[in-house]
Structures are given as C-alpha cells and as structure tokens.
C-alpha cells in the first residue's frame, strides 16, 4: 500500500504555520484536517497542501516525516508558496 508524507501550510493572524504528517490516503487526510477532525494541532485552520512524497512502505514514510519535521529550511521555503 502506498504511503505519503505531506507538508501542509496555512496563513492566519498569528502568521504562517506548517504541519508535517504521513497517510495512506492524501486527499482524505487533507479533508479531515480542514474539517477539524485531523490532528489536534491543525484544528480551526484552513490548510493547503504544499508538498508530498510517495513511498511504497510505511516505515519509509515515517522516517521521511521525521526528517522533514526537523528540516526548518525546507519548511520555510515551502511557505513561500502561500
């Protein structure tokens, strides 16, 4: 089953925020975040998909998620698209 690592972004009165996660269904996961039933940190905001990568195995996606969460330079470059 394919897995995806994704970076979401939003701009609100507090500034620009990013969120990194992984899923097996990217469209459904983005819809859940925007509906307020996703991760607690994403509730109450409208998120846009900034970046996604596809992996064949869950452990690969989870490892890449860990690395992206720590890559502030990449996340900062991605929010320029907002």
N, C-alpha and C. Protein backbone atom coordinates (compact mmCIF):
# COMPACT_ATOMS: atom_id res chain seq x y z
N UNK A 1 0.84 -1.18 0.00
CA UNK A 1 0.00 0.00 0.00
C UNK A 1 0.88 1.24 0.00
N UNK A 2 0.56 2.19 -0.85
CA UNK A 2 1.34 3.42 -0.94
C UNK A 2 1.11 4.30 0.28
N UNK A 3 2.16 4.95 0.72
CA UNK A 3 2.10 5.89 1.83
C UNK A 3 2.64 7.23 1.35
N UNK A 4 2.15 8.29 1.95
CA UNK A 4 2.56 9.63 1.57
C UNK A 4 3.02 10.42 2.79
N UNK A 5 4.05 11.20 2.60
CA UNK A 5 4.45 12.21 3.58
C UNK A 5 4.02 13.53 2.98
N UNK A 6 3.46 14.39 3.80
CA UNK A 6 2.94 15.64 3.28
C UNK A 6 3.29 16.80 4.20
N UNK A 7 3.32 17.99 3.59
CA UNK A 7 3.51 19.23 4.35
C UNK A 7 2.32 20.11 4.03
N UNK A 8 1.61 20.54 5.07
CA UNK A 8 0.50 21.46 4.93
C UNK A 8 0.94 22.84 5.38
N UNK A 9 0.30 23.86 4.86
CA UNK A 9 0.60 25.22 5.28
C UNK A 9 -0.66 26.03 5.40
N UNK A 10 -0.63 27.01 6.29
CA UNK A 10 -1.74 27.95 6.41
C UNK A 10 -1.20 29.29 6.86
N UNK A 11 -1.94 30.30 6.50
CA UNK A 11 -1.60 31.66 6.92
C UNK A 11 -2.80 32.17 7.71
N UNK A 12 -2.54 32.61 8.94
CA UNK A 12 -3.60 33.17 9.77
C UNK A 12 -3.09 34.41 10.49
N UNK A 13 -3.87 34.93 11.41
CA UNK A 13 -3.49 36.17 12.08
C UNK A 13 -2.22 36.02 12.91
N UNK A 14 -1.88 34.80 13.30
CA UNK A 14 -0.66 34.55 14.07
C UNK A 14 0.56 34.39 13.17
N UNK A 15 0.35 34.31 11.87
CA UNK A 15 1.46 34.16 10.93
C UNK A 15 1.30 32.93 10.05
N UNK A 16 2.42 32.37 9.66
CA UNK A 16 2.42 31.20 8.79
C UNK A 16 2.74 29.96 9.63
N UNK A 17 2.00 28.90 9.38
CA UNK A 17 2.22 27.64 10.09
C UNK A 17 2.39 26.51 9.09
N UNK A 18 3.14 25.50 9.50
CA UNK A 18 3.25 24.28 8.70
C UNK A 18 2.94 23.08 9.58
N UNK A 19 2.53 22.01 8.94
CA UNK A 19 2.26 20.75 9.62
C UNK A 19 2.78 19.64 8.72
N UNK A 20 3.48 18.68 9.31
CA UNK A 20 4.03 17.54 8.57
C UNK A 20 3.39 16.27 9.09
N UNK A 21 2.97 15.40 8.19
CA UNK A 21 2.37 14.14 8.59
C UNK A 21 2.54 13.08 7.52
N UNK A 22 1.99 11.90 7.77
CA UNK A 22 2.01 10.83 6.78
C UNK A 22 0.64 10.17 6.76
N UNK A 23 0.30 9.57 5.63
CA UNK A 23 -1.01 8.94 5.46
C UNK A 23 -0.97 7.95 4.31
N UNK A 24 -2.01 7.17 4.19
CA UNK A 24 -2.16 6.27 3.04
C UNK A 24 -3.15 6.84 2.02
N UNK A 25 -3.91 7.87 2.41
CA UNK A 25 -4.88 8.50 1.52
C UNK A 25 -4.75 10.01 1.67
N UNK A 26 -4.04 10.63 0.79
CA UNK A 26 -3.70 12.05 0.89
C UNK A 26 -4.93 12.96 0.80
N UNK A 27 -5.81 12.71 -0.14
CA UNK A 27 -7.00 13.56 -0.31
C UNK A 27 -7.91 13.50 0.92
N UNK A 28 -8.13 12.29 1.41
CA UNK A 28 -8.98 12.11 2.58
C UNK A 28 -8.37 12.76 3.82
N UNK A 29 -7.06 12.64 3.97
CA UNK A 29 -6.39 13.20 5.14
C UNK A 29 -6.46 14.73 5.13
N UNK A 30 -6.24 15.36 3.98
CA UNK A 30 -6.34 16.82 3.88
C UNK A 30 -7.77 17.26 4.21
N UNK A 31 -8.75 16.55 3.71
CA UNK A 31 -10.15 16.88 4.01
C UNK A 31 -10.43 16.78 5.50
N UNK A 32 -9.88 15.77 6.17
CA UNK A 32 -10.08 15.62 7.61
C UNK A 32 -9.42 16.76 8.38
N UNK A 33 -8.23 17.17 7.97
CA UNK A 33 -7.58 18.30 8.63
C UNK A 33 -8.43 19.56 8.49
N UNK A 34 -8.93 19.81 7.31
CA UNK A 34 -9.72 21.02 7.07
C UNK A 34 -11.11 20.95 7.70
N UNK A 35 -11.60 19.75 7.97
CA UNK A 35 -12.90 19.58 8.63
C UNK A 35 -12.79 19.68 10.15
N UNK A 36 -11.56 19.71 10.65
CA UNK A 36 -11.37 19.81 12.10
C UNK A 36 -11.28 18.48 12.80
N UNK A 37 -11.24 17.39 12.04
CA UNK A 37 -11.16 16.07 12.67
C UNK A 37 -9.79 15.42 12.47
N UNK A 38 -8.84 16.22 12.03
CA UNK A 38 -7.47 15.72 11.88
C UNK A 38 -6.72 15.85 13.19
N UNK A 39 -5.43 16.05 13.10
CA UNK A 39 -4.61 16.20 14.29
C UNK A 39 -5.03 17.44 15.07
N UNK A 40 -4.88 17.39 16.38
CA UNK A 40 -5.29 18.49 17.25
C UNK A 40 -4.63 19.81 16.85
N UNK A 41 -3.38 19.76 16.44
CA UNK A 41 -2.63 20.97 16.08
C UNK A 41 -3.16 21.64 14.82
N UNK A 42 -3.96 20.94 14.02
CA UNK A 42 -4.44 21.51 12.76
C UNK A 42 -5.87 22.03 12.84
N UNK A 43 -6.53 21.84 13.96
CA UNK A 43 -7.94 22.22 14.07
C UNK A 43 -8.14 23.72 14.03
N UNK A 44 -9.22 24.13 13.38
CA UNK A 44 -9.59 25.54 13.35
C UNK A 44 -8.89 26.36 12.29
N UNK A 45 -8.20 25.71 11.39
CA UNK A 45 -7.47 26.42 10.33
C UNK A 45 -7.81 25.79 8.97
N UNK A 46 -7.59 26.57 7.92
CA UNK A 46 -7.75 26.06 6.56
C UNK A 46 -6.36 25.79 6.01
N UNK A 47 -6.10 24.54 5.67
CA UNK A 47 -4.77 24.10 5.26
C UNK A 47 -4.71 23.88 3.76
N UNK A 48 -3.53 24.16 3.20
CA UNK A 48 -3.26 23.89 1.79
C UNK A 48 -2.10 22.89 1.72
N UNK A 49 -2.18 21.98 0.78
CA UNK A 49 -1.11 21.02 0.58
C UNK A 49 0.05 21.72 -0.12
N UNK A 50 1.21 21.74 0.52
CA UNK A 50 2.38 22.40 -0.04
C UNK A 50 3.33 21.42 -0.71
N UNK A 51 3.36 20.18 -0.20
CA UNK A 51 4.38 19.24 -0.67
C UNK A 51 3.95 17.82 -0.28
N UNK A 52 4.28 16.86 -1.13
CA UNK A 52 4.00 15.45 -0.82
C UNK A 52 5.02 14.56 -1.51
N UNK A 53 5.34 13.46 -0.85
CA UNK A 53 6.20 12.42 -1.41
C UNK A 53 5.50 11.08 -1.24
N UNK A 54 5.69 10.18 -2.20
CA UNK A 54 5.08 8.85 -2.17
C UNK A 54 6.13 7.81 -1.83
N UNK A 55 5.75 6.85 -0.99
CA UNK A 55 6.63 5.74 -0.61
C UNK A 55 5.87 4.43 -0.71
N UNK A 56 6.60 3.36 -0.94
CA UNK A 56 5.99 2.04 -1.03
C UNK A 56 5.74 1.41 0.33
N UNK A 57 6.51 1.82 1.34
CA UNK A 57 6.42 1.20 2.65
C UNK A 57 6.21 2.25 3.74
N UNK A 58 5.42 1.88 4.74
CA UNK A 58 5.08 2.78 5.83
C UNK A 58 6.32 3.26 6.59
N UNK A 59 7.26 2.37 6.85
CA UNK A 59 8.44 2.77 7.62
C UNK A 59 9.28 3.81 6.88
N UNK A 60 9.26 3.77 5.55
CA UNK A 60 9.97 4.79 4.76
C UNK A 60 9.30 6.15 4.92
N UNK A 61 7.98 6.16 4.87
CA UNK A 61 7.23 7.41 5.00
C UNK A 61 7.41 7.99 6.40
N UNK A 62 7.38 7.14 7.41
CA UNK A 62 7.53 7.62 8.78
C UNK A 62 8.94 8.17 9.02
N UNK A 63 9.93 7.55 8.44
CA UNK A 63 11.30 8.05 8.57
C UNK A 63 11.45 9.40 7.88
N UNK A 64 10.89 9.52 6.69
CA UNK A 64 10.98 10.79 5.96
C UNK A 64 10.22 11.89 6.69
N UNK A 65 9.08 11.55 7.28
CA UNK A 65 8.33 12.52 8.08
C UNK A 65 9.21 13.06 9.20
N UNK A 66 9.91 12.20 9.90
CA UNK A 66 10.80 12.59 10.99
C UNK A 66 11.85 13.59 10.50
N UNK A 67 12.41 13.32 9.33
CA UNK A 67 13.44 14.21 8.79
C UNK A 67 12.87 15.56 8.35
N UNK A 68 11.71 15.54 7.71
CA UNK A 68 11.11 16.80 7.26
C UNK A 68 10.72 17.67 8.45
N UNK A 69 10.23 17.06 9.51
CA UNK A 69 9.86 17.83 10.70
C UNK A 69 11.04 18.61 11.26
N UNK A 70 12.23 18.12 11.06
CA UNK A 70 13.43 18.77 11.57
C UNK A 70 14.12 19.66 10.55
N UNK A 71 13.61 19.68 9.32
CA UNK A 71 14.22 20.47 8.25
C UNK A 71 13.51 21.83 8.14
N UNK A 72 13.87 22.75 8.99
CA UNK A 72 13.23 24.07 9.02
C UNK A 72 13.47 24.83 7.71
N UNK A 73 14.61 24.62 7.11
CA UNK A 73 14.93 25.32 5.86
C UNK A 73 13.94 24.93 4.75
N UNK A 74 13.67 23.65 4.62
CA UNK A 74 12.70 23.17 3.63
C UNK A 74 11.31 23.72 3.92
N UNK A 75 10.88 23.65 5.15
CA UNK A 75 9.54 24.12 5.50
C UNK A 75 9.40 25.62 5.26
N UNK A 76 10.44 26.37 5.57
CA UNK A 76 10.40 27.82 5.33
C UNK A 76 10.31 28.11 3.83
N UNK A 77 11.03 27.35 3.02
CA UNK A 77 10.99 27.54 1.57
C UNK A 77 9.60 27.20 1.02
N UNK A 78 8.95 26.19 1.59
CA UNK A 78 7.62 25.79 1.11
C UNK A 78 6.55 26.83 1.42
N UNK A 79 6.65 27.53 2.53
CA UNK A 79 5.60 28.50 2.87
C UNK A 79 5.67 29.72 1.96
N UNK A 80 6.73 29.88 1.21
CA UNK A 80 6.80 30.98 0.25
C UNK A 80 5.71 30.82 -0.82
N UNK A 81 5.17 29.60 -0.98
CA UNK A 81 4.12 29.33 -1.97
C UNK A 81 2.75 29.78 -1.48
N UNK A 82 2.63 30.12 -0.19
CA UNK A 82 1.32 30.52 0.33
C UNK A 82 0.95 31.92 -0.09
